[in-house]
Every structure is written in structure tokens, then in C-alpha cells.
């Protein structure tokens, strides 16, 4: 079994990564880190005995982040949990702009652990 963590830009990214590692440790399973940022993620701070697979994006033209996460879940039937980072948004921004996190919460076929960025 596997925990998939989607790591977005911003403060919620490192918190999602940390929570994903904790969830993988709790479930005694592997961790797959899907980098939704456009820079390299440092996973060296994760426990050395944890099996970590890092998946990188290929640039801004890469597919929609929510689609990338949902596709990864489809391709990996062993994923038993999705961990995502969320940021606080106003009701207007939710209504007008949508959200990768909101879409993943609604469409994920596996349970989702949503981690809020600290203020």
C-alpha cells in the first residue's frame, strides 16, 4: 500500500509533505511524493528508512495539477490515502476560481487528508 502526497507551491507544500510522511509512518507503508511545484523538492529530511518515490512535473505546460494527481491515483491501485495541502480562501475566490484542493476532495477515489497551512 502507498500514501500519495501532492505537494503544491506555498506554505502548504512542506506541511503536506510532513503530514504525508507521518501518515505513511502511521500506516507503515511507502510514500509517493507528487511535486506540483515548478522547482525541486528536498525530501532529504524524510525518515531514511521510509521508501519514498518522487515524481516531478515537466514544466508549466504540464497537465492540470488536479488531473495529474487523479491520474496518478488511477495508475497506482495501491494508493490508499491522498494527502493534500490547503490554503485559506475567501468565499468569493472559491466561487470564481475553483481550487485544486477542492476538486481533489470531491473527486478522489481514496480517502483524503487535507492539511491547512499555518497562519
PDB file of N, CA and C in Angstrom:
ATOM      1  N   UNK A   1       0.831  -1.183   0.000  1.00  0.00           N
ATOM      2  CA  UNK A   1       0.000   0.000   0.000  1.00  0.00           C
ATOM      3  C   UNK A   1       0.882   1.255   0.000  1.00  0.00           C
ATOM      4  N   UNK A   2       0.264   2.370  -0.382  1.00  0.00           N
ATOM      5  CA  UNK A   2       1.024   3.598  -0.557  1.00  0.00           C
ATOM      6  C   UNK A   2       0.209   4.806  -0.113  1.00  0.00           C
ATOM      7  N   UNK A   3       0.916   5.821   0.385  1.00  0.00           N
ATOM      8  CA  UNK A   3       0.337   7.140   0.634  1.00  0.00           C
ATOM      9  C   UNK A   3       0.877   8.059  -0.450  1.00  0.00           C
ATOM     10  N   UNK A   4      -0.019   8.777  -1.114  1.00  0.00           N
ATOM     11  CA  UNK A   4       0.364   9.748  -2.136  1.00  0.00           C
ATOM     12  C   UNK A   4       0.188  11.137  -1.542  1.00  0.00           C
ATOM     13  N   UNK A   5       1.233  11.939  -1.596  1.00  0.00           N
ATOM     14  CA  UNK A   5       1.137  13.326  -1.136  1.00  0.00           C
ATOM     15  C   UNK A   5       1.370  14.246  -2.320  1.00  0.00           C
ATOM     16  N   UNK A   6       0.421  15.161  -2.524  1.00  0.00           N
ATOM     17  CA  UNK A   6       0.533  16.161  -3.586  1.00  0.00           C
ATOM     18  C   UNK A   6       1.090  17.428  -2.951  1.00  0.00           C
ATOM     19  N   UNK A   7       2.263  17.848  -3.394  1.00  0.00           N
ATOM     20  CA  UNK A   7       2.959  18.980  -2.775  1.00  0.00           C
ATOM     21  C   UNK A   7       2.823  20.212  -3.666  1.00  0.00           C
ATOM     22  N   UNK A   8       1.988  21.186  -3.245  1.00  0.00           N
ATOM     23  CA  UNK A   8       1.796  22.406  -4.029  1.00  0.00           C
ATOM     24  C   UNK A   8       2.796  23.491  -3.654  1.00  0.00           C
ATOM     25  N   UNK A   9       2.766  24.587  -4.421  1.00  0.00           N
ATOM     26  CA  UNK A   9       3.563  25.775  -4.084  1.00  0.00           C
ATOM     27  C   UNK A   9       3.054  26.358  -2.767  1.00  0.00           C
ATOM     28  N   UNK A  10       3.869  27.152  -2.139  1.00  0.00           N
ATOM     29  CA  UNK A  10       3.443  27.891  -0.956  1.00  0.00           C
ATOM     30  C   UNK A  10       3.706  27.164   0.343  1.00  0.00           C
ATOM     31  N   UNK A  11       3.230  27.787   1.416  1.00  0.00           N
ATOM     32  CA  UNK A  11       3.463  27.256   2.759  1.00  0.00           C
ATOM     33  C   UNK A  11       2.817  25.905   2.989  1.00  0.00           C
ATOM     34  N   UNK A  12       1.726  25.631   2.266  1.00  0.00           N
ATOM     35  CA  UNK A  12       1.032  24.367   2.486  1.00  0.00           C
ATOM     36  C   UNK A  12       1.806  23.171   1.922  1.00  0.00           C
ATOM     37  N   UNK A  13       2.752  23.408   1.013  1.00  0.00           N
ATOM     38  CA  UNK A  13       3.529  22.322   0.423  1.00  0.00           C
ATOM     39  C   UNK A  13       4.360  21.543   1.427  1.00  0.00           C
ATOM     40  N   UNK A  14       5.255  22.209   2.154  1.00  0.00           N
ATOM     41  CA  UNK A  14       6.059  21.484   3.144  1.00  0.00           C
ATOM     42  C   UNK A  14       5.215  20.838   4.238  1.00  0.00           C
ATOM     43  N   UNK A  15       4.108  21.492   4.604  1.00  0.00           N
ATOM     44  CA  UNK A  15       3.241  20.900   5.629  1.00  0.00           C
ATOM     45  C   UNK A  15       2.562  19.641   5.115  1.00  0.00           C
ATOM     46  N   UNK A  16       2.159  19.645   3.842  1.00  0.00           N
ATOM     47  CA  UNK A  16       1.568  18.441   3.255  1.00  0.00           C
ATOM     48  C   UNK A  16       2.600  17.320   3.210  1.00  0.00           C
ATOM     49  N   UNK A  17       3.831  17.645   2.841  1.00  0.00           N
ATOM     50  CA  UNK A  17       4.899  16.646   2.778  1.00  0.00           C
ATOM     51  C   UNK A  17       5.144  16.029   4.155  1.00  0.00           C
ATOM     52  N   UNK A  18       5.217  16.866   5.163  1.00  0.00           N
ATOM     53  CA  UNK A  18       5.431  16.400   6.536  1.00  0.00           C
ATOM     54  C   UNK A  18       4.265  15.508   6.988  1.00  0.00           C
ATOM     55  N   UNK A  19       3.030  15.946   6.703  1.00  0.00           N
ATOM     56  CA  UNK A  19       1.852  15.164   7.088  1.00  0.00           C
ATOM     57  C   UNK A  19       1.800  13.851   6.311  1.00  0.00           C
ATOM     58  N   UNK A  20       2.196  13.881   5.035  1.00  0.00           N
ATOM     59  CA  UNK A  20       2.221  12.659   4.239  1.00  0.00           C
ATOM     60  C   UNK A  20       3.203  11.641   4.791  1.00  0.00           C
ATOM     61  N   UNK A  21       4.371  12.117   5.213  1.00  0.00           N
ATOM     62  CA  UNK A  21       5.361  11.219   5.817  1.00  0.00           C
ATOM     63  C   UNK A  21       4.821  10.633   7.115  1.00  0.00           C
ATOM     64  N   UNK A  22       4.137  11.462   7.895  1.00  0.00           N
ATOM     65  CA  UNK A  22       3.545  10.974   9.137  1.00  0.00           C
ATOM     66  C   UNK A  22       2.465   9.930   8.882  1.00  0.00           C
ATOM     67  N   UNK A  23       1.662  10.154   7.858  1.00  0.00           N
ATOM     68  CA  UNK A  23       0.606   9.209   7.503  1.00  0.00           C
ATOM     69  C   UNK A  23       1.201   7.895   7.001  1.00  0.00           C
ATOM     70  N   UNK A  24       2.247   7.980   6.194  1.00  0.00           N
ATOM     71  CA  UNK A  24       2.922   6.765   5.715  1.00  0.00           C
ATOM     72  C   UNK A  24       3.527   5.996   6.886  1.00  0.00           C
ATOM     73  N   UNK A  25       4.095   6.708   7.832  1.00  0.00           N
ATOM     74  CA  UNK A  25       4.673   6.066   9.016  1.00  0.00           C
ATOM     75  C   UNK A  25       3.563   5.394   9.829  1.00  0.00           C
ATOM     76  N   UNK A  26       2.441   6.094  10.021  1.00  0.00           N
ATOM     77  CA  UNK A  26       1.311   5.562  10.779  1.00  0.00           C
ATOM     78  C   UNK A  26       0.748   4.290  10.131  1.00  0.00           C
ATOM     79  N   UNK A  27       0.658   4.290   8.808  1.00  0.00           N
ATOM     80  CA  UNK A  27       0.108   3.149   8.078  1.00  0.00           C
ATOM     81  C   UNK A  27       1.168   2.109   7.727  1.00  0.00           C
ATOM     82  N   UNK A  28       2.427   2.401   8.088  1.00  0.00           N
ATOM     83  CA  UNK A  28       3.550   1.503   7.815  1.00  0.00           C
ATOM     84  C   UNK A  28       3.609   1.142   6.330  1.00  0.00           C
ATOM     85  N   UNK A  29       3.688   2.189   5.510  1.00  0.00           N
ATOM     86  CA  UNK A  29       3.657   1.998   4.067  1.00  0.00           C
ATOM     87  C   UNK A  29       4.623   2.945   3.369  1.00  0.00           C
ATOM     88  N   UNK A  30       4.689   2.845   2.047  1.00  0.00           N
ATOM     89  CA  UNK A  30       5.561   3.694   1.238  1.00  0.00           C
ATOM     90  C   UNK A  30       4.916   5.061   1.009  1.00  0.00           C
ATOM     91  N   UNK A  31       5.744   6.014   0.600  1.00  0.00           N
ATOM     92  CA  UNK A  31       5.291   7.372   0.321  1.00  0.00           C
ATOM     93  C   UNK A  31       5.642   7.738  -1.119  1.00  0.00           C
ATOM     94  N   UNK A  32       4.650   8.217  -1.860  1.00  0.00           N
ATOM     95  CA  UNK A  32       4.877   8.748  -3.195  1.00  0.00           C
ATOM     96  C   UNK A  32       4.626  10.247  -3.115  1.00  0.00           C
ATOM     97  N   UNK A  33       5.623  11.032  -3.506  1.00  0.00           N
ATOM     98  CA  UNK A  33       5.550  12.490  -3.449  1.00  0.00           C
ATOM     99  C   UNK A  33       5.371  13.005  -4.872  1.00  0.00           C
ATOM    100  N   UNK A  34       4.223  13.639  -5.127  1.00  0.00           N
ATOM    101  CA  UNK A  34       3.953  14.227  -6.437  1.00  0.00           C
ATOM    102  C   UNK A  34       4.206  15.721  -6.337  1.00  0.00           C
ATOM    103  N   UNK A  35       5.272  16.171  -6.967  1.00  0.00           N
ATOM    104  CA  UNK A  35       5.691  17.571  -6.921  1.00  0.00           C
ATOM    105  C   UNK A  35       4.819  18.384  -7.882  1.00  0.00           C
ATOM    106  N   UNK A  36       3.950  19.236  -7.345  1.00  0.00           N
ATOM    107  CA  UNK A  36       3.111  20.110  -8.166  1.00  0.00           C
ATOM    108  C   UNK A  36       3.735  21.483  -8.349  1.00  0.00           C
ATOM    109  N   UNK A  37       4.919  21.680  -7.782  1.00  0.00           N
ATOM    110  CA  UNK A  37       5.623  22.957  -7.919  1.00  0.00           C
ATOM    111  C   UNK A  37       6.467  22.921  -9.189  1.00  0.00           C
ATOM    112  N   UNK A  38       7.090  24.034  -9.490  1.00  0.00           N
ATOM    113  CA  UNK A  38       7.980  24.086 -10.644  1.00  0.00           C
ATOM    114  C   UNK A  38       9.443  24.133 -10.229  1.00  0.00           C
ATOM    115  N   UNK A  39       9.716  23.756  -8.987  1.00  0.00           N
ATOM    116  CA  UNK A  39      11.099  23.654  -8.527  1.00  0.00           C
ATOM    117  C   UNK A  39      11.292  22.300  -7.844  1.00  0.00           C
ATOM    118  N   UNK A  40      12.503  21.949  -7.571  1.00  0.00           N
ATOM    119  CA  UNK A  40      12.831  20.666  -6.965  1.00  0.00           C
ATOM    120  C   UNK A  40      12.449  20.669  -5.495  1.00  0.00           C
ATOM    121  N   UNK A  41      11.913  19.560  -5.046  1.00  0.00           N
ATOM    122  CA  UNK A  41      11.553  19.393  -3.637  1.00  0.00           C
ATOM    123  C   UNK A  41      12.658  18.605  -2.953  1.00  0.00           C
ATOM    124  N   UNK A  42      13.052  19.057  -1.777  1.00  0.00           N
ATOM    125  CA  UNK A  42      14.065  18.368  -0.986  1.00  0.00           C
ATOM    126  C   UNK A  42      13.370  17.361  -0.065  1.00  0.00           C
ATOM    127  N   UNK A  43      13.575  16.083  -0.318  1.00  0.00           N
ATOM    128  CA  UNK A  43      12.988  15.048   0.520  1.00  0.00           C
ATOM    129  C   UNK A  43      14.020  14.446   1.477  1.00  0.00           C
ATOM    130  N   UNK A  44      15.175  15.085   1.576  1.00  0.00           N
ATOM    131  CA  UNK A  44      16.243  14.540   2.423  1.00  0.00           C
ATOM    132  C   UNK A  44      15.879  14.565   3.904  1.00  0.00           C
ATOM    133  N   UNK A  45      14.923  15.386   4.301  1.00  0.00           N
ATOM    134  CA  UNK A  45      14.518  15.445   5.706  1.00  0.00           C
ATOM    135  C   UNK A  45      13.544  14.355   6.112  1.00  0.00           C
ATOM    136  N   UNK A  46      13.099  13.543   5.151  1.00  0.00           N
ATOM    137  CA  UNK A  46      12.177  12.459   5.470  1.00  0.00           C
ATOM    138  C   UNK A  46      12.949  11.308   6.104  1.00  0.00           C
ATOM    139  N   UNK A  47      12.272  10.465   6.875  1.00  0.00           N
ATOM    140  CA  UNK A  47      12.964   9.344   7.528  1.00  0.00           C
ATOM    141  C   UNK A  47      13.720   8.483   6.512  1.00  0.00           C
ATOM    142  N   UNK A  48      14.946   8.142   6.865  1.00  0.00           N
ATOM    143  CA  UNK A  48      15.811   7.385   5.962  1.00  0.00           C
ATOM    144  C   UNK A  48      15.290   5.981   5.684  1.00  0.00           C
ATOM    145  N   UNK A  49      14.554   5.408   6.633  1.00  0.00           N
ATOM    146  CA  UNK A  49      14.066   4.044   6.454  1.00  0.00           C
ATOM    147  C   UNK A  49      12.740   3.986   5.691  1.00  0.00           C
ATOM    148  N   UNK A  50      12.205   5.139   5.283  1.00  0.00           N
ATOM    149  CA  UNK A  50      10.946   5.187   4.548  1.00  0.00           C
ATOM    150  C   UNK A  50      11.229   5.131   3.047  1.00  0.00           C
ATOM    151  N   UNK A  51      10.503   4.261   2.338  1.00  0.00           N
ATOM    152  CA  UNK A  51      10.646   4.204   0.879  1.00  0.00           C
ATOM    153  C   UNK A  51       9.873   5.373   0.288  1.00  0.00           C
ATOM    154  N   UNK A  52      10.591   6.277  -0.393  1.00  0.00           N
ATOM    155  CA  UNK A  52       9.995   7.489  -0.962  1.00  0.00           C
ATOM    156  C   UNK A  52      10.245   7.493  -2.467  1.00  0.00           C
ATOM    157  N   UNK A  53       9.172   7.704  -3.219  1.00  0.00           N
ATOM    158  CA  UNK A  53       9.265   7.870  -4.666  1.00  0.00           C
ATOM    159  C   UNK A  53       8.871   9.302  -4.981  1.00  0.00           C
ATOM    160  N   UNK A  54       9.740  10.031  -5.668  1.00  0.00           N
ATOM    161  CA  UNK A  54       9.491  11.434  -6.005  1.00  0.00           C
ATOM    162  C   UNK A  54       9.143  11.544  -7.482  1.00  0.00           C
ATOM    163  N   UNK A  55       7.983  12.128  -7.778  1.00  0.00           N
ATOM    164  CA  UNK A  55       7.529  12.338  -9.152  1.00  0.00           C
ATOM    165  C   UNK A  55       7.541  13.828  -9.439  1.00  0.00           C
ATOM    166  N   UNK A  56       8.267  14.235 -10.476  1.00  0.00           N
ATOM    167  CA  UNK A  56       8.418  15.652 -10.814  1.00  0.00           C
ATOM    168  C   UNK A  56       7.515  16.057 -11.971  1.00  0.00           C
ATOM    169  N   UNK A  57       7.116  17.321 -11.989  1.00  0.00           N
ATOM    170  CA  UNK A  57       6.413  17.882 -13.141  1.00  0.00           C
ATOM    171  C   UNK A  57       7.443  18.211 -14.209  1.00  0.00           C
ATOM    172  N   UNK A  58       6.964  18.445 -15.419  1.00  0.00           N
ATOM    173  CA  UNK A  58       7.880  18.718 -16.526  1.00  0.00           C
ATOM    174  C   UNK A  58       7.837  20.162 -16.989  1.00  0.00           C
ATOM    175  N   UNK A  59       7.176  21.044 -16.257  1.00  0.00           N
ATOM    176  CA  UNK A  59       7.135  22.450 -16.625  1.00  0.00           C
ATOM    177  C   UNK A  59       5.723  23.001 -16.568  1.00  0.00           C
ATOM    178  N   UNK A  60       5.576  24.308 -16.789  1.00  0.00           N
ATOM    179  CA  UNK A  60       4.256  24.926 -16.662  1.00  0.00           C
ATOM    180  C   UNK A  60       3.247  24.397 -17.671  1.00  0.00           C
ATOM    181  N   UNK A  61       3.713  23.842 -18.767  1.00  0.00           N
ATOM    182  CA  UNK A  61       2.792  23.309 -19.766  1.00  0.00           C
ATOM    183  C   UNK A  61       2.306  21.908 -19.396  1.00  0.00           C
ATOM    184  N   UNK A  62       2.847  21.348 -18.317  1.00  0.00           N
ATOM    185  CA  UNK A  62       2.418  20.035 -17.865  1.00  0.00           C
ATOM    186  C   UNK A  62       0.918  20.080 -17.559  1.00  0.00           C
ATOM    187  N   UNK A  63       0.300  18.943 -17.493  1.00  0.00           N
ATOM    188  CA  UNK A  63      -1.148  18.865 -17.310  1.00  0.00           C
ATOM    189  C   UNK A  63      -1.640  19.541 -16.037  1.00  0.00           C
ATOM    190  N   UNK A  64      -2.937  19.742 -15.989  1.00  0.00           N
ATOM    191  CA  UNK A  64      -3.611  20.332 -14.838  1.00  0.00           C
ATOM    192  C   UNK A  64      -3.203  19.585 -13.564  1.00  0.00           C
ATOM    193  N   UNK A  65      -2.858  20.307 -12.485  1.00  0.00           N
ATOM    194  CA  UNK A  65      -2.398  19.630 -11.268  1.00  0.00           C
ATOM    195  C   UNK A  65      -3.405  18.621 -10.707  1.00  0.00           C
ATOM    196  N   UNK A  66      -4.676  18.979 -10.689  1.00  0.00           N
ATOM    197  CA  UNK A  66      -5.682  18.044 -10.167  1.00  0.00           C
ATOM    198  C   UNK A  66      -5.736  16.790 -11.027  1.00  0.00           C
ATOM    199  N   UNK A  67      -5.681  16.961 -12.338  1.00  0.00           N
ATOM    200  CA  UNK A  67      -5.678  15.807 -13.252  1.00  0.00           C
ATOM    201  C   UNK A  67      -4.440  14.947 -13.023  1.00  0.00           C
ATOM    202  N   UNK A  68      -3.297  15.582 -12.792  1.00  0.00           N
ATOM    203  CA  UNK A  68      -2.061  14.833 -12.547  1.00  0.00           C
ATOM    204  C   UNK A  68      -2.208  13.943 -11.319  1.00  0.00           C
ATOM    205  N   UNK A  69      -2.801  14.488 -10.260  1.00  0.00           N
ATOM    206  CA  UNK A  69      -2.986  13.713  -9.026  1.00  0.00           C
ATOM    207  C   UNK A  69      -3.979  12.580  -9.256  1.00  0.00           C
ATOM    208  N   UNK A  70      -5.112  12.890  -9.862  1.00  0.00           N
ATOM    209  CA  UNK A  70      -6.136  11.863 -10.102  1.00  0.00           C
ATOM    210  C   UNK A  70      -5.620  10.779 -11.042  1.00  0.00           C
ATOM    211  N   UNK A  71      -4.841  11.163 -12.058  1.00  0.00           N
ATOM    212  CA  UNK A  71      -4.239  10.180 -12.964  1.00  0.00           C
ATOM    213  C   UNK A  71      -3.269   9.270 -12.215  1.00  0.00           C
ATOM    214  N   UNK A  72      -2.495   9.863 -11.314  1.00  0.00           N
ATOM    215  CA  UNK A  72      -1.523   9.080 -10.545  1.00  0.00           C
ATOM    216  C   UNK A  72      -2.240   8.065  -9.658  1.00  0.00           C
ATOM    217  N   UNK A  73      -3.357   8.462  -9.070  1.00  0.00           N
ATOM    218  CA  UNK A  73      -4.143   7.529  -8.256  1.00  0.00           C
ATOM    219  C   UNK A  73      -4.678   6.396  -9.133  1.00  0.00           C
ATOM    220  N   UNK A  74      -5.151   6.743 -10.326  1.00  0.00           N
ATOM    221  CA  UNK A  74      -5.655   5.722 -11.253  1.00  0.00           C
ATOM    222  C   UNK A  74      -4.567   4.736 -11.667  1.00  0.00           C
ATOM    223  N   UNK A  75      -3.349   5.235 -11.853  1.00  0.00           N
ATOM    224  CA  UNK A  75      -2.248   4.394 -12.301  1.00  0.00           C
ATOM    225  C   UNK A  75      -1.637   3.563 -11.184  1.00  0.00           C
ATOM    226  N   UNK A  76      -1.940   3.928  -9.947  1.00  0.00           N
ATOM    227  CA  UNK A  76      -1.369   3.238  -8.790  1.00  0.00           C
ATOM    228  C   UNK A  76      -2.497   2.685  -7.919  1.00  0.00           C
ATOM    229  N   UNK A  77      -2.957   1.486  -8.199  1.00  0.00           N
ATOM    230  CA  UNK A  77      -4.063   0.934  -7.414  1.00  0.00           C
ATOM    231  C   UNK A  77      -3.705   0.680  -5.946  1.00  0.00           C
ATOM    232  N   UNK A  78      -2.418   0.762  -5.608  1.00  0.00           N
ATOM    233  CA  UNK A  78      -2.004   0.551  -4.221  1.00  0.00           C
ATOM    234  C   UNK A  78      -2.132   1.804  -3.357  1.00  0.00           C
ATOM    235  N   UNK A  79      -2.493   2.954  -3.946  1.00  0.00           N
ATOM    236  CA  UNK A  79      -2.649   4.183  -3.151  1.00  0.00           C
ATOM    237  C   UNK A  79      -3.877   4.029  -2.261  1.00  0.00           C
ATOM    238  N   UNK A  80      -3.651   4.169  -0.957  1.00  0.00           N
ATOM    239  CA  UNK A  80      -4.755   4.031  -0.014  1.00  0.00           C
ATOM    240  C   UNK A  80      -5.117   5.345   0.670  1.00  0.00           C
ATOM    241  N   UNK A  81      -4.306   6.378   0.477  1.00  0.00           N
ATOM    242  CA  UNK A  81      -4.585   7.675   1.089  1.00  0.00           C
ATOM    243  C   UNK A  81      -3.930   8.754   0.259  1.00  0.00           C
ATOM    244  N   UNK A  82      -4.617   9.887   0.133  1.00  0.00           N
ATOM    245  CA  UNK A  82      -4.087  11.074  -0.533  1.00  0.00           C
ATOM    246  C   UNK A  82      -3.938  12.167   0.509  1.00  0.00           C
ATOM    247  N   UNK A  83      -2.783  12.812   0.533  1.00  0.00           N
ATOM    248  CA  UNK A  83      -2.541  13.936   1.450  1.00  0.00           C
ATOM    249  C   UNK A  83      -2.343  15.181   0.600  1.00  0.00           C
ATOM    250  N   UNK A  84      -3.101  16.231   0.923  1.00  0.00           N
ATOM    251  CA  UNK A  84      -3.015  17.487   0.170  1.00  0.00           C
ATOM    252  C   UNK A  84      -2.860  18.654   1.131  1.00  0.00           C
ATOM    253  N   UNK A  85      -2.253  19.728   0.639  1.00  0.00           N
ATOM    254  CA  UNK A  85      -2.153  20.969   1.399  1.00  0.00           C
ATOM    255  C   UNK A  85      -3.233  21.931   0.934  1.00  0.00           C
ATOM    256  N   UNK A  86      -3.755  22.693   1.866  1.00  0.00           N
ATOM    257  CA  UNK A  86      -4.808  23.663   1.535  1.00  0.00           C
ATOM    258  C   UNK A  86      -4.423  25.025   2.085  1.00  0.00           C
ATOM    259  N   UNK A  87      -4.893  26.065   1.411  1.00  0.00           N
ATOM    260  CA  UNK A  87      -4.713  27.414   1.938  1.00  0.00           C
ATOM    261  C   UNK A  87      -6.081  28.035   2.154  1.00  0.00           C
ATOM    262  N   UNK A  88      -6.121  28.958   3.057  1.00  0.00           N
ATOM    263  CA  UNK A  88      -7.377  29.636   3.372  1.00  0.00           C
ATOM    264  C   UNK A  88      -7.783  30.504   2.187  1.00  0.00           C
ATOM    265  N   UNK A  89      -9.063  30.407   1.814  1.00  0.00           N
ATOM    266  CA  UNK A  89      -9.567  31.188   0.680  1.00  0.00           C
ATOM    267  C   UNK A  89     -10.882  31.845   1.060  1.00  0.00           C
ATOM    268  N   UNK A  90     -11.136  32.983   0.461  1.00  0.00           N
ATOM    269  CA  UNK A  90     -12.394  33.681   0.719  1.00  0.00           C
ATOM    270  C   UNK A  90     -13.521  33.000  -0.051  1.00  0.00           C
ATOM    271  N   UNK A  91     -14.780  33.201   0.368  1.00  0.00           N
ATOM    272  CA  UNK A  91     -15.905  32.613  -0.363  1.00  0.00           C
ATOM    273  C   UNK A  91     -15.957  33.068  -1.826  1.00  0.00           C
ATOM    274  N   UNK A  92     -15.581  34.307  -2.103  1.00  0.00           N
ATOM    275  CA  UNK A  92     -15.601  34.806  -3.479  1.00  0.00           C
ATOM    276  C   UNK A  92     -14.568  34.068  -4.325  1.00  0.00           C
ATOM    277  N   UNK A  93     -13.349  33.892  -3.802  1.00  0.00           N
ATOM    278  CA  UNK A  93     -12.326  33.202  -4.591  1.00  0.00           C
ATOM    279  C   UNK A  93     -12.707  31.745  -4.811  1.00  0.00           C
ATOM    280  N   UNK A  94     -13.389  31.133  -3.845  1.00  0.00           N
ATOM    281  CA  UNK A  94     -13.839  29.758  -4.023  1.00  0.00           C
ATOM    282  C   UNK A  94     -14.858  29.664  -5.151  1.00  0.00           C
ATOM    283  N   UNK A  95     -15.764  30.619  -5.189  1.00  0.00           N
ATOM    284  CA  UNK A  95     -16.829  30.585  -6.189  1.00  0.00           C
ATOM    285  C   UNK A  95     -16.315  30.899  -7.588  1.00  0.00           C
ATOM    286  N   UNK A  96     -15.371  31.825  -7.694  1.00  0.00           N
ATOM    287  CA  UNK A  96     -14.921  32.280  -9.004  1.00  0.00           C
ATOM    288  C   UNK A  96     -13.757  31.479  -9.581  1.00  0.00           C
ATOM    289  N   UNK A  97     -12.840  31.066  -8.751  1.00  0.00           N
ATOM    290  CA  UNK A  97     -11.601  30.489  -9.247  1.00  0.00           C
ATOM    291  C   UNK A  97     -11.512  28.977  -9.141  1.00  0.00           C
ATOM    292  N   UNK A  98     -12.332  28.353  -8.327  1.00  0.00           N
ATOM    293  CA  UNK A  98     -12.181  26.919  -8.129  1.00  0.00           C
ATOM    294  C   UNK A  98     -10.928  26.634  -7.322  1.00  0.00           C
ATOM    295  N   UNK A  99     -10.588  25.372  -7.173  1.00  0.00           N
ATOM    296  CA  UNK A  99      -9.430  25.032  -6.374  1.00  0.00           C
ATOM    297  C   UNK A  99      -8.992  23.607  -6.685  1.00  0.00           C
ATOM    298  N   UNK A 100      -7.689  23.425  -6.804  1.00  0.00           N
ATOM    299  CA  UNK A 100      -7.152  22.081  -6.998  1.00  0.00           C
ATOM    300  C   UNK A 100      -7.516  21.228  -5.787  1.00  0.00           C
ATOM    301  N   UNK A 101      -7.321  21.771  -4.589  1.00  0.00           N
ATOM    302  CA  UNK A 101      -7.621  21.027  -3.366  1.00  0.00           C
ATOM    303  C   UNK A 101      -9.103  20.663  -3.297  1.00  0.00           C
ATOM    304  N   UNK A 102      -9.970  21.612  -3.623  1.00  0.00           N
ATOM    305  CA  UNK A 102     -11.403  21.356  -3.575  1.00  0.00           C
ATOM    306  C   UNK A 102     -11.772  20.241  -4.564  1.00  0.00           C
ATOM    307  N   UNK A 103     -11.222  20.301  -5.741  1.00  0.00           N
ATOM    308  CA  UNK A 103     -11.507  19.274  -6.744  1.00  0.00           C
ATOM    309  C   UNK A 103     -11.035  17.901  -6.277  1.00  0.00           C
ATOM    310  N   UNK A 104      -9.845  17.860  -5.659  1.00  0.00           N
ATOM    311  CA  UNK A 104      -9.328  16.580  -5.171  1.00  0.00           C
ATOM    312  C   UNK A 104     -10.184  16.042  -4.028  1.00  0.00           C
ATOM    313  N   UNK A 105     -10.646  16.928  -3.154  1.00  0.00           N
ATOM    314  CA  UNK A 105     -11.528  16.491  -2.072  1.00  0.00           C
ATOM    315  C   UNK A 105     -12.803  15.866  -2.621  1.00  0.00           C
ATOM    316  N   UNK A 106     -13.339  16.438  -3.684  1.00  0.00           N
ATOM    317  CA  UNK A 106     -14.602  15.959  -4.244  1.00  0.00           C
ATOM    318  C   UNK A 106     -14.448  14.745  -5.161  1.00  0.00           C
ATOM    319  N   UNK A 107     -13.330  14.638  -5.861  1.00  0.00           N
ATOM    320  CA  UNK A 107     -13.198  13.609  -6.892  1.00  0.00           C
ATOM    321  C   UNK A 107     -12.262  12.453  -6.556  1.00  0.00           C
ATOM    322  N   UNK A 108     -11.526  12.540  -5.474  1.00  0.00           N
ATOM    323  CA  UNK A 108     -10.581  11.477  -5.146  1.00  0.00           C
ATOM    324  C   UNK A 108     -11.316  10.171  -4.828  1.00  0.00           C
ATOM    325  N   UNK A 109     -10.864   9.067  -5.432  1.00  0.00           N
ATOM    326  CA  UNK A 109     -11.476   7.769  -5.141  1.00  0.00           C
ATOM    327  C   UNK A 109     -10.952   7.137  -3.842  1.00  0.00           C
ATOM    328  N   UNK A 110      -9.962   7.786  -3.205  1.00  0.00           N
ATOM    329  CA  UNK A 110      -9.407   7.284  -1.946  1.00  0.00           C
ATOM    330  C   UNK A 110      -9.602   8.348  -0.870  1.00  0.00           C
ATOM    331  N   UNK A 111      -9.544   7.964   0.414  1.00  0.00           N
ATOM    332  CA  UNK A 111      -9.674   8.965   1.475  1.00  0.00           C
ATOM    333  C   UNK A 111      -8.600  10.052   1.354  1.00  0.00           C
ATOM    334  N   UNK A 112      -8.972  11.283   1.727  1.00  0.00           N
ATOM    335  CA  UNK A 112      -8.076  12.439   1.609  1.00  0.00           C
ATOM    336  C   UNK A 112      -7.826  13.030   2.989  1.00  0.00           C
ATOM    337  N   UNK A 113      -6.547  13.262   3.291  1.00  0.00           N
ATOM    338  CA  UNK A 113      -6.150  14.009   4.474  1.00  0.00           C
ATOM    339  C   UNK A 113      -5.772  15.403   4.006  1.00  0.00           C
ATOM    340  N   UNK A 114      -6.548  16.403   4.399  1.00  0.00           N
ATOM    341  CA  UNK A 114      -6.299  17.796   3.983  1.00  0.00           C
ATOM    342  C   UNK A 114      -5.600  18.518   5.124  1.00  0.00           C
ATOM    343  N   UNK A 115      -4.464  19.142   4.813  1.00  0.00           N
ATOM    344  CA  UNK A 115      -3.639  19.832   5.802  1.00  0.00           C
ATOM    345  C   UNK A 115      -3.665  21.324   5.499  1.00  0.00           C
ATOM    346  N   UNK A 116      -4.078  22.128   6.480  1.00  0.00           N
ATOM    347  CA  UNK A 116      -4.109  23.577   6.290  1.00  0.00           C
ATOM    348  C   UNK A 116      -2.761  24.188   6.622  1.00  0.00           C
ATOM    349  N   UNK A 117      -2.373  25.191   5.859  1.00  0.00           N
ATOM    350  CA  UNK A 117      -1.140  25.930   6.150  1.00  0.00           C
ATOM    351  C   UNK A 117      -1.333  26.713   7.424  1.00  0.00           C
ATOM    352  N   UNK A 118      -0.303  26.770   8.251  1.00  0.00           N
ATOM    353  CA  UNK A 118      -0.374  27.563   9.471  1.00  0.00           C
ATOM    354  C   UNK A 118      -0.379  29.040   9.127  1.00  0.00           C
ATOM    355  N   UNK A 119      -1.108  29.812   9.911  1.00  0.00           N
ATOM    356  CA  UNK A 119      -1.164  31.269   9.682  1.00  0.00           C
ATOM    357  C   UNK A 119       0.087  31.950  10.154  1.00  0.00           C
TER     358      UNK A 119
END
